[in-house]
Amino acid sequence: MNPYLEILRPFNGLMAIIALVLVGIIGKNINLPLLIGILAVFLATGGGNIINDFYDYKIDSINRQERPIPSGKISLKNAKNYGLSLFIVSIILGIIISVMVGSYLPCTLILLNCMVLYYYAHSLKKLPLIGNLSVAYLTGSCFIFGGLILGEIYVPLILSFFAFMMTLSREIVKDMEDIKGDKLENVNTFPIKYGLKNSSILASVFILIPTFISPILYFIKIFNVYYLVLLLIAIIIFIVAAYKIQISHGSDNSNKVSKLIKIGMFITFIAFAVGSI
C-alpha cells in the first residue's frame, strides 16, 4: 500500500463513514450535504491519524516499526504538513455544509473535532483515561455530526452513546497492548498508572454496559426484529472479549481482544442499518 494512503489508516476512516451512512439510512435521507460530510469526516480522521503518528514516532519505532514514519517511508515534516492540510480541507468542507443546511453547528463540530484530534496526539493521550475519553468522544460525535446535517438528533445521540462506550473499552485495551513502549516513553496511560488488572476490569465494564442495554433499542421501537438477530452475534463477541481480557493481560491477548471489539462494533453498526429497514 502507498505510504501516504497507509498512514491515513483507511479502515478507521471507514468506521467514521459508516456512522454517517447509518444516520442517513436510519433517517432515510442521504443527501448531498451528508455525502460531503462523509468526505469531511474521512479527511479529518485521516489527518488525526497522521498527526498522531507524527507525535508517536518514537513509540512506534518500538511498538509498530512497520508504520510509514518509523520505517522511513514518510518524513516527519511531510507527515505533519500532510495531516494539517487534511484538517484544513475538512474544515472548509464543514463550512460548505453549514451554508447548505443553514446551520453553523456542523462546521463548529468539525472544527472542534479537528482541534481535539490535534491535541489528543499532542498531549491528551498522555493523560490517564482523558486520552481514551477523547477518542471515544470523537467516535460518538460522528453520529451527532450526521444528525446535525440532517436536522435529526434524538436517534444519533443514542447511537453516539453506544459508539462512545464501545470505543472507550477498546482504547483501554489498546493501551494495555502498548504498555511496553508507553513505559519507555513515559506516557502515563491508565494501565501504567493503575495497573493491568484494574484496566481489564474497567474495559470489561465499558463494553458490557452497552452490550446488555443494546436490546432496549428494539423494545422502544427504534429498530426492528432483524436488529436483534444480528445484535446477538455482536453480544456474544463482546462477552467473549470481556472474558478474555480478564484471563490474560498480555500484549498479544490484548491485541486479540482489541480486534474482537472492533469486529463486534462493526457487526453492531450493521445491525443498526438492517434494523432500520
C-alpha atoms as a PDB file:
ATOM      1  CA  MET A   1       0.000   0.000   0.000  1.00  0.00           C
ATOM      2  CA  ASN A   2       1.172   3.530  -0.785  1.00  0.00           C
ATOM      3  CA  PRO A   3       2.575   5.001   2.477  1.00  0.00           C
ATOM      4  CA  TYR A   4       0.546   8.227   2.083  1.00  0.00           C
ATOM      5  CA  LEU A   5      -2.612   6.134   1.921  1.00  0.00           C
ATOM      6  CA  GLU A   6      -1.474   3.710   4.611  1.00  0.00           C
ATOM      7  CA  ILE A   7      -0.794   6.482   7.141  1.00  0.00           C
ATOM      8  CA  LEU A   8      -4.436   7.587   6.827  1.00  0.00           C
ATOM      9  CA  ARG A   9      -5.476   4.206   8.271  1.00  0.00           C
ATOM     10  CA  PRO A  10      -8.419   3.978   5.850  1.00  0.00           C
ATOM     11  CA  PHE A  11     -10.203   1.340   7.939  1.00  0.00           C
ATOM     12  CA  ASN A  12     -10.509   3.774  10.854  1.00  0.00           C
ATOM     13  CA  GLY A  13     -11.891   6.345   8.439  1.00  0.00           C
ATOM     14  CA  LEU A  14     -14.307   3.715   7.136  1.00  0.00           C
ATOM     15  CA  MET A  15     -15.777   3.291  10.617  1.00  0.00           C
ATOM     16  CA  ALA A  16     -16.438   7.051  10.745  1.00  0.00           C
ATOM     17  CA  ILE A  17     -18.029   6.931   7.284  1.00  0.00           C
ATOM     18  CA  ILE A  18     -20.260   4.050   8.370  1.00  0.00           C
ATOM     19  CA  ALA A  19     -21.534   6.175  11.255  1.00  0.00           C
ATOM     20  CA  LEU A  20     -22.714   8.927   8.910  1.00  0.00           C
ATOM     21  CA  VAL A  21     -24.166   6.459   6.403  1.00  0.00           C
ATOM     22  CA  LEU A  22     -26.073   4.802   9.242  1.00  0.00           C
ATOM     23  CA  VAL A  23     -27.582   8.128  10.279  1.00  0.00           C
ATOM     24  CA  GLY A  24     -28.665   8.646   6.659  1.00  0.00           C
ATOM     25  CA  ILE A  25     -30.130   5.139   6.374  1.00  0.00           C
ATOM     26  CA  ILE A  26     -31.964   5.386   9.685  1.00  0.00           C
ATOM     27  CA  GLY A  27     -33.271   8.848   8.798  1.00  0.00           C
ATOM     28  CA  LYS A  28     -34.000   7.673   5.239  1.00  0.00           C
ATOM     29  CA  ASN A  29     -32.242  10.740   3.889  1.00  0.00           C
ATOM     30  CA  ILE A  30     -28.826  10.508   2.223  1.00  0.00           C
ATOM     31  CA  ASN A  31     -28.429  13.926   0.610  1.00  0.00           C
ATOM     32  CA  LEU A  32     -25.569  15.988  -0.829  1.00  0.00           C
ATOM     33  CA  PRO A  33     -24.595  17.705   2.456  1.00  0.00           C
ATOM     34  CA  LEU A  34     -24.337  14.285   4.131  1.00  0.00           C
ATOM     35  CA  LEU A  35     -22.130  12.978   1.298  1.00  0.00           C
ATOM     36  CA  ILE A  36     -19.858  16.000   1.682  1.00  0.00           C
ATOM     37  CA  GLY A  37     -19.899  15.344   5.426  1.00  0.00           C
ATOM     38  CA  ILE A  38     -18.690  11.796   4.803  1.00  0.00           C
ATOM     39  CA  LEU A  39     -15.694  13.154   2.902  1.00  0.00           C
ATOM     40  CA  ALA A  40     -15.021  15.779   5.587  1.00  0.00           C
ATOM     41  CA  VAL A  41     -15.070  13.177   8.371  1.00  0.00           C
ATOM     42  CA  PHE A  42     -12.816  10.820   6.420  1.00  0.00           C
ATOM     43  CA  LEU A  43     -10.247  13.569   5.829  1.00  0.00           C
ATOM     44  CA  ALA A  44     -10.384  14.814   9.421  1.00  0.00           C
ATOM     45  CA  THR A  45      -9.960  11.266  10.740  1.00  0.00           C
ATOM     46  CA  GLY A  46      -7.062  10.695   8.370  1.00  0.00           C
ATOM     47  CA  GLY A  47      -5.468  13.959   9.438  1.00  0.00           C
ATOM     48  CA  GLY A  48      -5.804  12.950  13.077  1.00  0.00           C
ATOM     49  CA  ASN A  49      -4.185   9.577  12.418  1.00  0.00           C
ATOM     50  CA  ILE A  50      -1.266  11.263  10.672  1.00  0.00           C
ATOM     51  CA  ILE A  51      -0.690  13.814  13.434  1.00  0.00           C
ATOM     52  CA  ASN A  52      -0.938  11.014  15.969  1.00  0.00           C
ATOM     53  CA  ASP A  53       1.768   9.077  14.121  1.00  0.00           C
ATOM     54  CA  PHE A  54       3.844  12.280  13.938  1.00  0.00           C
ATOM     55  CA  TYR A  55       3.913  12.638  17.720  1.00  0.00           C
ATOM     56  CA  ASP A  56       4.118   8.873  18.266  1.00  0.00           C
ATOM     57  CA  TYR A  57       7.052   8.120  16.017  1.00  0.00           C
ATOM     58  CA  LYS A  58       9.393   7.226  18.917  1.00  0.00           C
ATOM     59  CA  ILE A  59       6.845   4.873  20.478  1.00  0.00           C
ATOM     60  CA  ASP A  60       6.014   3.378  17.073  1.00  0.00           C
ATOM     61  CA  SER A  61       9.713   2.723  16.493  1.00  0.00           C
ATOM     62  CA  ILE A  62       9.323   0.220  19.347  1.00  0.00           C
ATOM     63  CA  ASN A  63       5.724  -0.983  19.032  1.00  0.00           C
ATOM     64  CA  ARG A  64       4.976  -0.606  15.307  1.00  0.00           C
ATOM     65  CA  GLN A  65       8.170  -0.302  13.319  1.00  0.00           C
ATOM     66  CA  GLU A  66       6.396  -1.084  10.043  1.00  0.00           C
ATOM     67  CA  ARG A  67       4.385   2.168  10.041  1.00  0.00           C
ATOM     68  CA  PRO A  68       5.269   4.793   7.382  1.00  0.00           C
ATOM     69  CA  ILE A  69       7.134   7.251   9.663  1.00  0.00           C
ATOM     70  CA  PRO A  70       9.325   4.886  11.744  1.00  0.00           C
ATOM     71  CA  SER A  71      10.035   2.820   8.615  1.00  0.00           C
ATOM     72  CA  GLY A  72      11.311   5.963   6.864  1.00  0.00           C
ATOM     73  CA  LYS A  73       8.735   5.937   4.070  1.00  0.00           C
ATOM     74  CA  ILE A  74       7.429   9.386   5.086  1.00  0.00           C
ATOM     75  CA  SER A  75       9.498  12.102   6.757  1.00  0.00           C
ATOM     76  CA  LEU A  76       8.308  13.823   9.929  1.00  0.00           C
ATOM     77  CA  LYS A  77       7.998  17.181   8.144  1.00  0.00           C
ATOM     78  CA  ASN A  78       5.943  15.785   5.274  1.00  0.00           C
ATOM     79  CA  ALA A  79       3.713  13.872   7.686  1.00  0.00           C
ATOM     80  CA  LYS A  80       2.881  16.957   9.748  1.00  0.00           C
ATOM     81  CA  ASN A  81       2.166  19.098   6.667  1.00  0.00           C
ATOM     82  CA  TYR A  82       0.027  16.317   5.210  1.00  0.00           C
ATOM     83  CA  GLY A  83      -2.040  15.951   8.378  1.00  0.00           C
ATOM     84  CA  LEU A  84      -2.607  19.698   8.852  1.00  0.00           C
ATOM     85  CA  SER A  85      -3.609  20.059   5.194  1.00  0.00           C
ATOM     86  CA  LEU A  86      -6.302  17.417   5.609  1.00  0.00           C
ATOM     87  CA  PHE A  87      -7.626  19.258   8.674  1.00  0.00           C
ATOM     88  CA  ILE A  88      -7.891  22.494   6.666  1.00  0.00           C
ATOM     89  CA  VAL A  89      -9.731  20.803   3.791  1.00  0.00           C
ATOM     90  CA  SER A  90     -12.170  19.110   6.182  1.00  0.00           C
ATOM     91  CA  ILE A  91     -12.940  22.446   7.890  1.00  0.00           C
ATOM     92  CA  ILE A  92     -13.561  24.087   4.518  1.00  0.00           C
ATOM     93  CA  LEU A  93     -15.958  21.263   3.675  1.00  0.00           C
ATOM     94  CA  GLY A  94     -17.629  21.841   7.050  1.00  0.00           C
ATOM     95  CA  ILE A  95     -18.184  25.495   6.145  1.00  0.00           C
ATOM     96  CA  ILE A  96     -19.754  24.446   2.838  1.00  0.00           C
ATOM     97  CA  ILE A  97     -22.065  22.023   4.644  1.00  0.00           C
ATOM     98  CA  SER A  98     -23.132  24.686   7.149  1.00  0.00           C
ATOM     99  CA  VAL A  99     -24.013  27.062   4.319  1.00  0.00           C
ATOM    100  CA  MET A 100     -26.017  24.342   2.568  1.00  0.00           C
ATOM    101  CA  VAL A 101     -28.055  23.326   5.629  1.00  0.00           C
ATOM    102  CA  GLY A 102     -28.363  26.825   7.095  1.00  0.00           C
ATOM    103  CA  SER A 103     -26.768  25.991  10.437  1.00  0.00           C
ATOM    104  CA  TYR A 104     -23.348  26.807  11.894  1.00  0.00           C
ATOM    105  CA  LEU A 105     -23.384  23.662  14.046  1.00  0.00           C
ATOM    106  CA  PRO A 106     -21.876  21.142  11.546  1.00  0.00           C
ATOM    107  CA  CYS A 107     -18.923  23.438  10.847  1.00  0.00           C
ATOM    108  CA  THR A 108     -18.461  24.165  14.544  1.00  0.00           C
ATOM    109  CA  LEU A 109     -18.400  20.465  15.402  1.00  0.00           C
ATOM    110  CA  ILE A 110     -15.861  19.549  12.737  1.00  0.00           C
ATOM    111  CA  LEU A 111     -13.641  22.476  13.766  1.00  0.00           C
ATOM    112  CA  LEU A 112     -13.860  21.345  17.393  1.00  0.00           C
ATOM    113  CA  ASN A 113     -13.075  17.758  16.448  1.00  0.00           C
ATOM    114  CA  CYS A 114     -10.019  18.752  14.412  1.00  0.00           C
ATOM    115  CA  MET A 115      -8.739  20.594  17.476  1.00  0.00           C
ATOM    116  CA  VAL A 116      -9.434  17.586  19.710  1.00  0.00           C
ATOM    117  CA  LEU A 117      -7.689  15.294  17.215  1.00  0.00           C
ATOM    118  CA  TYR A 118      -4.605  17.508  17.222  1.00  0.00           C
ATOM    119  CA  TYR A 119      -4.403  17.988  20.980  1.00  0.00           C
ATOM    120  CA  TYR A 120      -5.122  14.326  21.574  1.00  0.00           C
ATOM    121  CA  ALA A 121      -1.973  13.480  19.635  1.00  0.00           C
ATOM    122  CA  HIS A 122      -0.027  16.365  21.202  1.00  0.00           C
ATOM    123  CA  SER A 123      -0.876  15.887  24.869  1.00  0.00           C
ATOM    124  CA  LEU A 124      -4.295  14.448  25.791  1.00  0.00           C
ATOM    125  CA  LYS A 125      -3.336  10.852  25.064  1.00  0.00           C
ATOM    126  CA  LYS A 126      -0.644  11.072  27.750  1.00  0.00           C
ATOM    127  CA  LEU A 127      -3.260  11.703  30.450  1.00  0.00           C
ATOM    128  CA  PRO A 128      -4.773   8.602  32.105  1.00  0.00           C
ATOM    129  CA  LEU A 129      -8.279   7.968  30.759  1.00  0.00           C
ATOM    130  CA  ILE A 130      -8.543  11.521  29.314  1.00  0.00           C
ATOM    131  CA  GLY A 131      -6.974  10.350  26.067  1.00  0.00           C
ATOM    132  CA  ASN A 132      -9.290   7.335  25.948  1.00  0.00           C
ATOM    133  CA  LEU A 133     -12.306   9.561  26.576  1.00  0.00           C
ATOM    134  CA  SER A 134     -11.184  11.877  23.771  1.00  0.00           C
ATOM    135  CA  VAL A 135     -11.100   9.076  21.195  1.00  0.00           C
ATOM    136  CA  ALA A 136     -14.444   7.723  22.420  1.00  0.00           C
ATOM    137  CA  TYR A 137     -15.965  11.210  22.116  1.00  0.00           C
ATOM    138  CA  LEU A 138     -14.626  11.592  18.576  1.00  0.00           C
ATOM    139  CA  THR A 139     -16.136   8.262  17.511  1.00  0.00           C
ATOM    140  CA  GLY A 140     -19.518   9.019  19.052  1.00  0.00           C
ATOM    141  CA  SER A 141     -19.558  12.542  17.619  1.00  0.00           C
ATOM    142  CA  CYS A 142     -19.640  11.146  14.064  1.00  0.00           C
ATOM    143  CA  PHE A 143     -23.258  10.124  14.665  1.00  0.00           C
ATOM    144  CA  ILE A 144     -24.041  13.558  16.105  1.00  0.00           C
ATOM    145  CA  PHE A 145     -22.384  15.224  13.103  1.00  0.00           C
ATOM    146  CA  GLY A 146     -24.618  13.272  10.737  1.00  0.00           C
ATOM    147  CA  GLY A 147     -27.658  14.165  12.823  1.00  0.00           C
ATOM    148  CA  LEU A 148     -26.788  17.883  12.729  1.00  0.00           C
ATOM    149  CA  ILE A 149     -26.524  17.754   8.941  1.00  0.00           C
ATOM    150  CA  LEU A 150     -29.915  16.083   8.592  1.00  0.00           C
ATOM    151  CA  GLY A 151     -31.618  18.003  11.384  1.00  0.00           C
ATOM    152  CA  GLU A 152     -32.263  14.815  13.402  1.00  0.00           C
ATOM    153  CA  ILE A 153     -30.563  14.479  16.772  1.00  0.00           C
ATOM    154  CA  TYR A 154     -32.534  12.056  19.023  1.00  0.00           C
ATOM    155  CA  VAL A 155     -31.527   8.712  17.470  1.00  0.00           C
ATOM    156  CA  PRO A 156     -27.978   9.874  16.570  1.00  0.00           C
ATOM    157  CA  LEU A 157     -27.442  10.796  20.229  1.00  0.00           C
ATOM    158  CA  ILE A 158     -28.478   7.307  21.319  1.00  0.00           C
ATOM    159  CA  LEU A 159     -26.179   5.671  18.768  1.00  0.00           C
ATOM    160  CA  SER A 160     -23.431   8.068  19.815  1.00  0.00           C
ATOM    161  CA  PHE A 161     -23.645   6.740  23.373  1.00  0.00           C
ATOM    162  CA  PHE A 162     -23.166   3.125  22.257  1.00  0.00           C
ATOM    163  CA  ALA A 163     -20.261   4.042  19.989  1.00  0.00           C
ATOM    164  CA  PHE A 164     -18.699   6.067  22.825  1.00  0.00           C
ATOM    165  CA  MET A 165     -18.825   3.198  25.321  1.00  0.00           C
ATOM    166  CA  MET A 166     -17.565   0.510  22.929  1.00  0.00           C
ATOM    167  CA  THR A 167     -14.717   2.712  21.735  1.00  0.00           C
ATOM    168  CA  LEU A 168     -13.735   3.624  25.301  1.00  0.00           C
ATOM    169  CA  SER A 169     -13.386  -0.063  26.150  1.00  0.00           C
ATOM    170  CA  ARG A 170     -11.274  -0.737  23.068  1.00  0.00           C
ATOM    171  CA  GLU A 171      -8.985   2.227  23.738  1.00  0.00           C
ATOM    172  CA  ILE A 172      -8.199   0.966  27.241  1.00  0.00           C
ATOM    173  CA  VAL A 173      -7.423  -2.485  25.827  1.00  0.00           C
ATOM    174  CA  LYS A 174      -5.148  -0.904  23.210  1.00  0.00           C
ATOM    175  CA  ASP A 175      -3.262   0.899  25.991  1.00  0.00           C
ATOM    176  CA  MET A 176      -2.796  -2.471  27.683  1.00  0.00           C
ATOM    177  CA  GLU A 177      -1.357  -3.783  24.427  1.00  0.00           C
ATOM    178  CA  ASP A 178       1.056  -0.842  24.093  1.00  0.00           C
ATOM    179  CA  ILE A 179       2.189  -0.695  27.709  1.00  0.00           C
ATOM    180  CA  LYS A 180       5.811  -1.681  26.972  1.00  0.00           C
ATOM    181  CA  GLY A 181       6.504   1.121  24.518  1.00  0.00           C
ATOM    182  CA  ASP A 182       4.455   3.629  26.510  1.00  0.00           C
ATOM    183  CA  LYS A 183       6.542   2.955  29.625  1.00  0.00           C
ATOM    184  CA  LEU A 184       9.756   3.603  27.712  1.00  0.00           C
ATOM    185  CA  GLU A 185       8.370   6.934  26.504  1.00  0.00           C
ATOM    186  CA  ASN A 186       6.984   7.889  29.941  1.00  0.00           C
ATOM    187  CA  VAL A 187       3.426   8.028  28.613  1.00  0.00           C
ATOM    188  CA  ASN A 188       1.169   7.931  31.675  1.00  0.00           C
ATOM    189  CA  THR A 189      -1.713   5.791  30.392  1.00  0.00           C
ATOM    190  CA  PHE A 190      -4.372   4.217  32.612  1.00  0.00           C
ATOM    191  CA  PRO A 191      -2.759   0.736  32.588  1.00  0.00           C
ATOM    192  CA  ILE A 192       0.599   2.222  33.570  1.00  0.00           C
ATOM    193  CA  LYS A 193      -0.793   4.301  36.425  1.00  0.00           C
ATOM    194  CA  TYR A 194      -3.447   1.936  37.785  1.00  0.00           C
ATOM    195  CA  GLY A 195      -2.278  -1.476  36.592  1.00  0.00           C
ATOM    196  CA  LEU A 196      -3.369  -4.051  34.041  1.00  0.00           C
ATOM    197  CA  LYS A 197      -5.891  -5.753  36.327  1.00  0.00           C
ATOM    198  CA  ASN A 198      -7.817  -2.546  37.024  1.00  0.00           C
ATOM    199  CA  SER A 199      -7.619  -1.664  33.344  1.00  0.00           C
ATOM    200  CA  SER A 200      -9.074  -5.018  32.307  1.00  0.00           C
ATOM    201  CA  ILE A 201     -11.963  -4.594  34.761  1.00  0.00           C
ATOM    202  CA  LEU A 202     -12.716  -1.087  33.509  1.00  0.00           C
ATOM    203  CA  ALA A 203     -12.550  -2.175  29.870  1.00  0.00           C
ATOM    204  CA  SER A 204     -14.966  -5.028  30.588  1.00  0.00           C
ATOM    205  CA  VAL A 205     -17.403  -2.704  32.367  1.00  0.00           C
ATOM    206  CA  PHE A 206     -17.414  -0.252  29.472  1.00  0.00           C
ATOM    207  CA  ILE A 207     -18.055  -2.978  26.904  1.00  0.00           C
ATOM    208  CA  LEU A 208     -20.648  -4.915  28.922  1.00  0.00           C
ATOM    209  CA  ILE A 209     -22.848  -1.888  29.761  1.00  0.00           C
ATOM    210  CA  PRO A 210     -23.784  -1.165  26.118  1.00  0.00           C
ATOM    211  CA  THR A 211     -23.844  -4.905  25.399  1.00  0.00           C
ATOM    212  CA  PHE A 212     -26.608  -5.617  27.897  1.00  0.00           C
ATOM    213  CA  ILE A 213     -28.704  -2.489  27.298  1.00  0.00           C
ATOM    214  CA  SER A 214     -28.494  -2.528  23.478  1.00  0.00           C
ATOM    215  CA  PRO A 215     -31.574  -4.783  23.056  1.00  0.00           C
ATOM    216  CA  ILE A 216     -33.640  -1.927  24.541  1.00  0.00           C
ATOM    217  CA  LEU A 217     -33.400  -0.170  21.168  1.00  0.00           C
ATOM    218  CA  TYR A 218     -35.682  -2.860  19.769  1.00  0.00           C
ATOM    219  CA  PHE A 219     -38.208  -2.668  22.594  1.00  0.00           C
ATOM    220  CA  ILE A 220     -38.521   1.132  22.320  1.00  0.00           C
ATOM    221  CA  LYS A 221     -39.136   0.582  18.588  1.00  0.00           C
ATOM    222  CA  ILE A 222     -36.081   2.346  17.203  1.00  0.00           C
ATOM    223  CA  PHE A 223     -35.082  -0.833  15.327  1.00  0.00           C
ATOM    224  CA  ASN A 224     -36.963  -3.872  14.034  1.00  0.00           C
ATOM    225  CA  VAL A 225     -36.553  -7.551  14.927  1.00  0.00           C
ATOM    226  CA  TYR A 226     -33.744  -8.076  12.390  1.00  0.00           C
ATOM    227  CA  TYR A 227     -31.633  -5.813  14.575  1.00  0.00           C
ATOM    228  CA  LEU A 228     -31.897  -8.316  17.415  1.00  0.00           C
ATOM    229  CA  VAL A 229     -30.774 -11.205  15.206  1.00  0.00           C
ATOM    230  CA  LEU A 230     -27.522  -9.522  14.200  1.00  0.00           C
ATOM    231  CA  LEU A 231     -27.066  -7.945  17.594  1.00  0.00           C
ATOM    232  CA  LEU A 232     -26.946 -11.390  19.197  1.00  0.00           C
ATOM    233  CA  ILE A 233     -23.734 -12.117  17.275  1.00  0.00           C
ATOM    234  CA  ALA A 234     -22.177  -8.856  18.480  1.00  0.00           C
ATOM    235  CA  ILE A 235     -23.280  -9.548  22.069  1.00  0.00           C
ATOM    236  CA  ILE A 236     -21.541 -12.938  22.037  1.00  0.00           C
ATOM    237  CA  ILE A 237     -18.357 -11.353  20.665  1.00  0.00           C
ATOM    238  CA  PHE A 238     -18.380  -8.610  23.313  1.00  0.00           C
ATOM    239  CA  ILE A 239     -18.921 -11.104  26.146  1.00  0.00           C
ATOM    240  CA  VAL A 240     -16.055 -13.253  24.863  1.00  0.00           C
ATOM    241  CA  ALA A 241     -13.848 -10.148  24.639  1.00  0.00           C
ATOM    242  CA  ALA A 242     -14.717  -9.135  28.214  1.00  0.00           C
ATOM    243  CA  TYR A 243     -13.914 -12.648  29.427  1.00  0.00           C
ATOM    244  CA  LYS A 244     -10.639 -12.964  27.507  1.00  0.00           C
ATOM    245  CA  ILE A 245      -9.252  -9.660  28.794  1.00  0.00           C
ATOM    246  CA  GLN A 246      -9.844 -10.888  32.349  1.00  0.00           C
ATOM    247  CA  ILE A 247      -7.959 -14.160  31.996  1.00  0.00           C
ATOM    248  CA  SER A 248      -4.849 -12.678  30.360  1.00  0.00           C
ATOM    249  CA  HIS A 249      -3.396  -9.159  30.377  1.00  0.00           C
ATOM    250  CA  GLY A 250      -0.516  -9.794  27.974  1.00  0.00           C
ATOM    251  CA  SER A 251       0.125  -7.686  24.889  1.00  0.00           C
ATOM    252  CA  ASP A 252      -0.745 -10.470  22.435  1.00  0.00           C
ATOM    253  CA  ASN A 253      -4.049 -11.231  24.128  1.00  0.00           C
ATOM    254  CA  SER A 254      -4.886  -7.526  24.381  1.00  0.00           C
ATOM    255  CA  ASN A 255      -4.318  -7.225  20.647  1.00  0.00           C
ATOM    256  CA  LYS A 256      -6.727 -10.106  20.010  1.00  0.00           C
ATOM    257  CA  VAL A 257      -9.338  -8.586  22.329  1.00  0.00           C
ATOM    258  CA  SER A 258      -8.987  -5.206  20.622  1.00  0.00           C
ATOM    259  CA  LYS A 259      -9.703  -6.858  17.277  1.00  0.00           C
ATOM    260  CA  LEU A 260     -12.699  -8.700  18.748  1.00  0.00           C
ATOM    261  CA  ILE A 261     -14.180  -5.429  19.997  1.00  0.00           C
ATOM    262  CA  LYS A 262     -13.652  -3.811  16.595  1.00  0.00           C
ATOM    263  CA  ILE A 263     -15.407  -6.734  14.882  1.00  0.00           C
ATOM    264  CA  GLY A 264     -18.235  -6.525  17.414  1.00  0.00           C
ATOM    265  CA  MET A 265     -18.601  -2.792  16.759  1.00  0.00           C
ATOM    266  CA  PHE A 266     -18.735  -3.378  13.014  1.00  0.00           C
ATOM    267  CA  ILE A 267     -21.452  -6.021  13.396  1.00  0.00           C
ATOM    268  CA  THR A 268     -23.377  -3.712  15.740  1.00  0.00           C
ATOM    269  CA  PHE A 269     -23.279  -0.952  13.142  1.00  0.00           C
ATOM    270  CA  ILE A 270     -24.604  -3.391  10.529  1.00  0.00           C
ATOM    271  CA  ALA A 271     -27.367  -4.332  12.974  1.00  0.00           C
ATOM    272  CA  PHE A 272     -28.259  -0.640  13.280  1.00  0.00           C
ATOM    273  CA  ALA A 273     -28.580  -0.396   9.488  1.00  0.00           C
ATOM    274  CA  VAL A 274     -30.505  -3.645   8.964  1.00  0.00           C
ATOM    275  CA  GLY A 275     -32.749  -2.895  11.905  1.00  0.00           C
ATOM    276  CA  SER A 276     -33.860   0.402  10.382  1.00  0.00           C
ATOM    277  CA  ILE A 277     -35.020  -1.045   7.046  1.00  0.00           C
END
